[in-house]
Amino acid sequence: MAKNMARYYQAWELRQQGKKFREIGKIMYISSERARTLVSYINFKIKHQKQRRISNELIELVKKYPNT
């Protein structure tokens, strides 16, 4: 998995744990707006997974959070 996608997944997972975008930004050393963008991208991929291929890593991550 590309390093960049790992950061997307990390931001998404932190959000699923109930963290605010500001907290995610501090943890990942990015702005809260960038954290929101990363999370939104993964949410989009999950929502449209039937229309697009998604990685096995994302499938496994989503399984950890069934309310997504």
C-alpha atoms as a PDB file:
ATOM      1  CA  MET A   1       0.000   0.000   0.000  1.00  0.00           C
ATOM      2  CA  ALA A   2       1.293   3.437  -0.857  1.00  0.00           C
ATOM      3  CA  LYS A   3       2.369   5.574   2.067  1.00  0.00           C
ATOM      4  CA  ASN A   4      -0.128   8.222   1.036  1.00  0.00           C
ATOM      5  CA  MET A   5      -3.110   5.847   1.276  1.00  0.00           C
ATOM      6  CA  ALA A   6      -1.931   4.728   4.703  1.00  0.00           C
ATOM      7  CA  ARG A   7      -2.389   8.316   5.888  1.00  0.00           C
ATOM      8  CA  TYR A   8      -5.902   8.425   4.434  1.00  0.00           C
ATOM      9  CA  TYR A   9      -6.761   5.201   6.257  1.00  0.00           C
ATOM     10  CA  GLN A  10      -5.167   6.448   9.469  1.00  0.00           C
ATOM     11  CA  ALA A  11      -7.229   9.662   9.398  1.00  0.00           C
ATOM     12  CA  TRP A  12     -10.413   7.717   8.649  1.00  0.00           C
ATOM     13  CA  GLU A  13      -9.776   5.244  11.452  1.00  0.00           C
ATOM     14  CA  LEU A  14      -9.122   8.035  13.950  1.00  0.00           C
ATOM     15  CA  ARG A  15     -12.410   9.644  12.914  1.00  0.00           C
ATOM     16  CA  GLN A  16     -14.230   6.335  13.447  1.00  0.00           C
ATOM     17  CA  GLN A  17     -12.792   6.310  16.964  1.00  0.00           C
ATOM     18  CA  GLY A  18     -14.616   9.589  17.616  1.00  0.00           C
ATOM     19  CA  LYS A  19     -11.746  12.026  17.230  1.00  0.00           C
ATOM     20  CA  LYS A  20     -12.449  15.535  15.959  1.00  0.00           C
ATOM     21  CA  PHE A  21     -10.693  16.807  12.846  1.00  0.00           C
ATOM     22  CA  ARG A  22      -8.616  19.163  15.003  1.00  0.00           C
ATOM     23  CA  GLU A  23      -7.419  16.211  17.095  1.00  0.00           C
ATOM     24  CA  ILE A  24      -6.663  14.146  13.998  1.00  0.00           C
ATOM     25  CA  GLY A  25      -4.660  17.050  12.612  1.00  0.00           C
ATOM     26  CA  LYS A  26      -2.577  17.320  15.764  1.00  0.00           C
ATOM     27  CA  ILE A  27      -1.918  13.572  15.841  1.00  0.00           C
ATOM     28  CA  MET A  28      -0.932  13.446  12.162  1.00  0.00           C
ATOM     29  CA  TYR A  29       0.778  16.886  12.010  1.00  0.00           C
ATOM     30  CA  ILE A  30      -1.628  18.205   9.377  1.00  0.00           C
ATOM     31  CA  SER A  31      -4.310  20.887   9.379  1.00  0.00           C
ATOM     32  CA  SER A  32      -7.835  20.068  10.464  1.00  0.00           C
ATOM     33  CA  GLU A  33      -9.019  20.874   6.932  1.00  0.00           C
ATOM     34  CA  ARG A  34      -6.563  18.361   5.452  1.00  0.00           C
ATOM     35  CA  ALA A  35      -7.779  15.768   7.962  1.00  0.00           C
ATOM     36  CA  ARG A  36     -11.352  16.416   6.829  1.00  0.00           C
ATOM     37  CA  THR A  37     -10.303  15.981   3.203  1.00  0.00           C
ATOM     38  CA  LEU A  38      -8.579  12.661   3.885  1.00  0.00           C
ATOM     39  CA  VAL A  39     -11.589  11.306   5.780  1.00  0.00           C
ATOM     40  CA  SER A  40     -14.039  12.542   3.138  1.00  0.00           C
ATOM     41  CA  TYR A  41     -12.080  10.782   0.390  1.00  0.00           C
ATOM     42  CA  ILE A  42     -12.259   7.434   2.189  1.00  0.00           C
ATOM     43  CA  ASN A  43     -15.963   7.940   2.960  1.00  0.00           C
ATOM     44  CA  PHE A  44     -16.534   8.552  -0.763  1.00  0.00           C
ATOM     45  CA  LYS A  45     -14.623   5.379  -1.676  1.00  0.00           C
ATOM     46  CA  ILE A  46     -16.666   3.359   0.806  1.00  0.00           C
ATOM     47  CA  LYS A  47     -19.969   4.804  -0.388  1.00  0.00           C
ATOM     48  CA  HIS A  48     -19.177   4.047  -4.025  1.00  0.00           C
ATOM     49  CA  GLN A  49     -17.361   0.753  -3.530  1.00  0.00           C
ATOM     50  CA  LYS A  50     -19.719  -1.189  -5.780  1.00  0.00           C
ATOM     51  CA  GLN A  51     -18.999   1.152  -8.672  1.00  0.00           C
ATOM     52  CA  ARG A  52     -15.234   1.275  -8.113  1.00  0.00           C
ATOM     53  CA  ARG A  53     -12.633  -1.172  -6.943  1.00  0.00           C
ATOM     54  CA  ILE A  54     -11.343  -0.593  -3.445  1.00  0.00           C
ATOM     55  CA  SER A  55      -8.247  -2.066  -1.882  1.00  0.00           C
ATOM     56  CA  ASN A  56      -8.248  -5.077   0.386  1.00  0.00           C
ATOM     57  CA  GLU A  57      -6.709  -2.917   3.122  1.00  0.00           C
ATOM     58  CA  LEU A  58      -9.722  -0.602   3.039  1.00  0.00           C
ATOM     59  CA  ILE A  59     -12.141  -3.542   3.050  1.00  0.00           C
ATOM     60  CA  GLU A  60     -10.471  -4.931   6.199  1.00  0.00           C
ATOM     61  CA  LEU A  61     -10.477  -1.516   7.862  1.00  0.00           C
ATOM     62  CA  VAL A  62     -14.170  -0.990   7.159  1.00  0.00           C
ATOM     63  CA  LYS A  63     -14.975  -4.385   8.688  1.00  0.00           C
ATOM     64  CA  LYS A  64     -13.583  -3.114  12.001  1.00  0.00           C
ATOM     65  CA  TYR A  65     -16.221  -0.361  12.073  1.00  0.00           C
ATOM     66  CA  PRO A  66     -19.555  -1.927  11.054  1.00  0.00           C
ATOM     67  CA  ASN A  67     -21.590   1.282  11.541  1.00  0.00           C
ATOM     68  CA  THR A  68     -19.878   2.992   8.616  1.00  0.00           C
END
